[in-house]
Protein backbone atom coordinates (compact mmCIF):
# COMPACT_ATOMS: atom_id res chain seq x y z
CA UNK A 1 -29.21 -66.66 8.78
CA UNK A 2 -32.57 -67.83 7.35
CA UNK A 3 -34.37 -65.29 9.55
CA UNK A 4 -32.22 -62.46 8.17
CA UNK A 5 -33.06 -63.49 4.58
CA UNK A 6 -36.78 -63.62 5.40
CA UNK A 7 -36.55 -60.18 7.01
CA UNK A 8 -34.79 -58.76 3.93
CA UNK A 9 -37.43 -60.22 1.61
CA UNK A 10 -40.19 -58.77 3.78
CA UNK A 11 -38.61 -55.28 3.69
CA UNK A 12 -38.11 -55.50 -0.05
CA UNK A 13 -41.76 -56.45 -0.55
CA UNK A 14 -42.86 -53.70 1.79
CA UNK A 15 -40.84 -51.11 -0.18
CA UNK A 16 -42.25 -52.37 -3.47
CA UNK A 17 -45.79 -52.11 -2.10
CA UNK A 18 -45.15 -48.49 -1.05
CA UNK A 19 -43.80 -47.66 -4.52
CA UNK A 20 -46.88 -49.16 -6.18
CA UNK A 21 -49.14 -47.24 -3.79
CA UNK A 22 -47.26 -44.02 -4.50
CA UNK A 23 -47.59 -44.52 -8.25
CA UNK A 24 -51.30 -45.21 -7.86
CA UNK A 25 -51.67 -42.00 -5.83
CA UNK A 26 -49.81 -40.01 -8.50
CA UNK A 27 -51.91 -41.55 -11.31
CA UNK A 28 -55.13 -40.84 -9.38
CA UNK A 29 -54.05 -37.20 -8.87
CA UNK A 30 -53.27 -36.80 -12.59
CA UNK A 31 -56.61 -38.25 -13.69
CA UNK A 32 -58.52 -36.11 -11.19
CA UNK A 33 -56.75 -32.80 -11.96
CA UNK A 34 -55.81 -33.38 -15.61
CA UNK A 35 -52.17 -32.53 -14.86
CA UNK A 36 -49.10 -33.72 -13.00
CA UNK A 37 -48.53 -32.68 -9.36
CA UNK A 38 -46.37 -29.60 -8.84
CA UNK A 39 -43.39 -29.09 -6.51
CA UNK A 40 -44.53 -25.46 -6.14
CA UNK A 41 -47.98 -26.37 -4.83
CA UNK A 42 -49.24 -24.88 -1.57
CA UNK A 43 -50.44 -28.36 -0.60
CA UNK A 44 -47.84 -30.49 1.17
CA UNK A 45 -49.31 -33.75 -0.15
CA UNK A 46 -49.08 -32.55 -3.77
CA UNK A 47 -45.46 -31.46 -3.30
CA UNK A 48 -44.63 -34.93 -1.93
CA UNK A 49 -46.27 -36.60 -4.93
CA UNK A 50 -44.35 -34.29 -7.27
CA UNK A 51 -41.02 -35.28 -5.68
CA UNK A 52 -41.89 -38.99 -5.99
CA UNK A 53 -42.95 -38.44 -9.60
CA UNK A 54 -39.56 -36.86 -10.34
CA UNK A 55 -37.82 -39.91 -8.87
CA UNK A 56 -39.87 -42.39 -10.92
CA UNK A 57 -39.53 -40.49 -14.20
CA UNK A 58 -35.89 -39.35 -14.06
CA UNK A 59 -33.44 -41.81 -15.71
CA UNK A 60 -30.71 -40.82 -13.20
CA UNK A 61 -32.73 -42.16 -10.25
CA UNK A 62 -32.50 -45.78 -9.11
CA UNK A 63 -36.29 -46.11 -9.00
CA UNK A 64 -36.75 -44.88 -12.59
CA UNK A 65 -39.67 -46.58 -14.34
CA UNK A 66 -39.82 -46.15 -18.13
CA UNK A 67 -43.38 -47.52 -18.42
CA UNK A 68 -44.66 -45.18 -15.70
CA UNK A 69 -42.80 -42.30 -17.38
CA UNK A 70 -44.61 -42.94 -20.66
CA UNK A 71 -47.92 -42.96 -18.79
CA UNK A 72 -47.12 -39.66 -17.08
CA UNK A 73 -46.14 -38.04 -20.40
CA UNK A 74 -49.86 -38.11 -21.29
CA UNK A 75 -50.48 -35.49 -18.60
CA UNK A 76 -49.25 -31.88 -18.84
CA UNK A 77 -47.27 -30.15 -16.10
CA UNK A 78 -48.89 -27.33 -14.09
CA UNK A 79 -47.05 -24.77 -16.24
CA UNK A 80 -48.19 -26.45 -19.46
CA UNK A 81 -51.77 -26.50 -18.14
CA UNK A 82 -51.63 -22.75 -17.44
CA UNK A 83 -50.24 -22.12 -20.94
CA UNK A 84 -53.06 -24.16 -22.50
CA UNK A 85 -55.64 -22.23 -20.45
CA UNK A 86 -54.06 -18.90 -21.47
CA UNK A 87 -54.15 -19.83 -25.15
CA UNK A 88 -57.79 -20.85 -24.85
CA UNK A 89 -58.60 -17.49 -23.19
CA UNK A 90 -56.79 -15.61 -25.99
CA UNK A 91 -58.56 -17.62 -28.71
CA UNK A 92 -61.96 -17.06 -27.04
CA UNK A 93 -61.27 -13.31 -26.85
CA UNK A 94 -60.35 -13.20 -30.56
CA UNK A 95 -63.47 -15.11 -31.62
CA UNK A 96 -65.77 -12.94 -29.46
CA UNK A 97 -64.22 -9.61 -30.49
CA UNK A 98 -63.07 -10.38 -34.05
CA UNK A 99 -59.57 -9.09 -33.25
CA UNK A 100 -56.50 -9.75 -31.12
CA UNK A 101 -56.22 -8.29 -27.59
CA UNK A 102 -54.51 -4.90 -27.32
CA UNK A 103 -51.67 -3.61 -25.11
CA UNK A 104 -53.39 -0.22 -25.05
CA UNK A 105 -56.76 -1.46 -23.77
CA UNK A 106 -58.26 0.19 -20.69
CA UNK A 107 -59.17 -3.29 -19.44
CA UNK A 108 -56.40 -4.92 -17.37
CA UNK A 109 -57.46 -8.46 -18.36
CA UNK A 110 -57.14 -7.66 -22.08
CA UNK A 111 -53.68 -6.12 -21.59
CA UNK A 112 -52.61 -9.30 -19.79
CA UNK A 113 -53.84 -11.45 -22.69
CA UNK A 114 -51.98 -9.20 -25.15
CA UNK A 115 -48.69 -9.74 -23.26
CA UNK A 116 -49.21 -13.52 -23.26
CA UNK A 117 -50.09 -13.44 -26.96
CA UNK A 118 -46.83 -11.64 -27.72
CA UNK A 119 -44.88 -14.30 -25.77
CA UNK A 120 -46.52 -17.18 -27.67
CA UNK A 121 -46.19 -15.58 -31.13
CA UNK A 122 -42.71 -14.02 -30.97
CA UNK A 123 -39.91 -16.35 -32.24
CA UNK A 124 -37.44 -14.77 -29.79
CA UNK A 125 -39.42 -16.01 -26.77
CA UNK A 126 -38.84 -19.52 -25.33
CA UNK A 127 -42.60 -20.24 -25.25
CA UNK A 128 -43.04 -19.45 -28.98
CA UNK A 129 -45.69 -21.62 -30.65
CA UNK A 130 -45.66 -21.58 -34.46
CA UNK A 131 -49.04 -23.36 -34.78
CA UNK A 132 -50.72 -20.92 -32.38
CA UNK A 133 -49.08 -18.03 -34.25
CA UNK A 134 -50.64 -19.19 -37.54
CA UNK A 135 -54.03 -19.38 -35.84
CA UNK A 136 -53.67 -15.86 -34.42
CA UNK A 137 -52.65 -14.44 -37.83
CA UNK A 138 -56.26 -15.02 -38.93
CA UNK A 139 -57.36 -12.22 -36.59
CA UNK A 140 -56.48 -8.55 -37.15
CA UNK A 141 -54.89 -6.30 -34.53
CA UNK A 142 -56.90 -3.48 -32.94
CA UNK A 143 -55.24 -0.97 -35.31
CA UNK A 144 -56.05 -3.14 -38.34
CA UNK A 145 -59.66 -3.46 -37.13
CA UNK A 146 -59.98 0.33 -36.93
CA UNK A 147 -58.49 0.59 -40.43
CA UNK A 148 -61.02 -1.94 -41.77
CA UNK A 149 -63.88 -0.02 -40.13
CA UNK A 150 -62.64 3.15 -41.84
CA UNK A 151 -62.41 1.15 -45.07
CA UNK A 152 -66.13 0.33 -44.89
CA UNK A 153 -66.87 4.04 -44.54
CA UNK A 154 -64.62 4.90 -47.49
CA UNK A 155 -66.22 2.25 -49.69
CA UNK A 156 -69.72 3.51 -48.83
CA UNK A 157 -68.78 7.11 -49.71
CA UNK A 158 -67.20 6.00 -52.99
CA UNK A 159 -70.23 3.85 -53.85
CA UNK A 160 -72.55 6.80 -53.30
CA UNK A 161 -70.35 9.01 -55.50
CA UNK A 162 -70.06 6.62 -58.48
CA UNK A 163 -73.79 5.81 -58.34
CA UNK A 164 -74.62 9.50 -58.48
CA UNK A 165 -72.04 10.65 -61.08
CA UNK A 166 -71.54 7.37 -63.01
CA UNK A 167 -67.78 7.89 -62.86
CA UNK A 168 -64.83 7.75 -60.52
CA UNK A 169 -63.82 10.88 -58.55
CA UNK A 170 -61.30 13.10 -60.35
CA UNK A 171 -58.01 14.58 -59.15
CA UNK A 172 -58.67 17.73 -61.17
CA UNK A 173 -61.90 18.49 -59.31
CA UNK A 174 -62.23 21.75 -57.37
CA UNK A 175 -64.50 20.02 -54.85
CA UNK A 176 -62.59 19.12 -51.66
CA UNK A 177 -64.83 16.12 -50.91
CA UNK A 178 -64.29 14.68 -54.40
CA UNK A 179 -60.52 15.17 -54.05
CA UNK A 180 -60.62 13.28 -50.76
CA UNK A 181 -62.56 10.45 -52.40
CA UNK A 182 -60.02 10.41 -55.25
CA UNK A 183 -57.19 9.95 -52.75
CA UNK A 184 -59.17 7.17 -51.02
CA UNK A 185 -59.72 5.36 -54.32
CA UNK A 186 -56.05 5.79 -55.18
CA UNK A 187 -55.11 4.19 -51.86
CA UNK A 188 -57.45 1.26 -52.53
CA UNK A 189 -55.53 0.67 -55.75
CA UNK A 190 -52.15 0.67 -54.01
CA UNK A 191 -50.78 -2.89 -54.26
CA UNK A 192 -48.61 -2.59 -51.13
CA UNK A 193 -51.50 -1.21 -49.06
CA UNK A 194 -53.86 -3.93 -50.29
CA UNK A 195 -51.36 -6.75 -49.74
CA UNK A 196 -50.99 -5.79 -46.09
CA UNK A 197 -54.76 -5.70 -45.46
CA UNK A 198 -56.24 -8.12 -48.01
CA UNK A 199 -56.13 -11.14 -45.67
CA UNK A 200 -58.47 -9.31 -43.26
CA UNK A 201 -60.76 -7.86 -45.92
CA UNK A 202 -64.05 -9.61 -46.62
CA UNK A 203 -64.95 -10.94 -50.05
CA UNK A 204 -67.79 -8.40 -50.19
CA UNK A 205 -65.37 -5.51 -49.60
CA UNK A 206 -63.06 -6.72 -52.39
CA UNK A 207 -66.00 -7.05 -54.82
CA UNK A 208 -67.23 -3.54 -53.98
CA UNK A 209 -63.76 -2.05 -54.54
CA UNK A 210 -63.45 -3.83 -57.90
CA UNK A 211 -66.89 -2.54 -58.94
CA UNK A 212 -66.04 1.06 -57.99
CA UNK A 213 -62.77 0.88 -59.93
CA UNK A 214 -64.66 -0.40 -63.00
CA UNK A 215 -66.40 2.97 -63.41
CA UNK A 216 -64.92 5.35 -66.01
CA UNK A 217 -62.83 8.42 -65.17
CA UNK A 218 -63.98 11.99 -65.81
CA UNK A 219 -61.82 12.18 -68.97
CA UNK A 220 -63.27 8.94 -70.38
CA UNK A 221 -66.79 10.16 -69.62
CA UNK A 222 -66.22 13.34 -71.67
CA UNK A 223 -64.72 11.38 -74.56
CA UNK A 224 -67.76 9.07 -74.52
């Protein structure tokens, strides 16, 4: 009877030692790779560690360990790691190019980033991230970037006109170029148009527009 008890205690100790070793292996893997092991890994050893990790961190399992679970929560899953890497790639692209990636790009990599960006910034998607969305709203889309580039050209043309004529372009002019500049200036004064683009406009652009609009009209010039 005593022998049986000793044998049971030995087996129990042996099992406990294996559990501790397994946890140490899992912790070592997490520290080395910066993530938890994945059940979808091509490596058999990693898949085995992932299964053990599930057992130790799932409350429904007999070997559940709350302390070990808290420790493991400090490490992201493989999917979370990929999401973090994707967001970093998108952010790097935006900083380098001054705009968000485009679906219509000729570059496959950029189109892939644009699809991921949509997933992370659309409330209807399960991977929606409100904080990341706010960060991305700082950068204009490709279309908005083109609009802002055209805006610089419009401002330059209007500046040249008001400097030369000391007045704003007139809608009653017979000159087609002046009429076009009048329409451009009118658009720059449209509150709805400005509201949509003002967050992407530079302070310099806003100052230039205000200065151009401060010039008198043709009618005021004659009256003066």
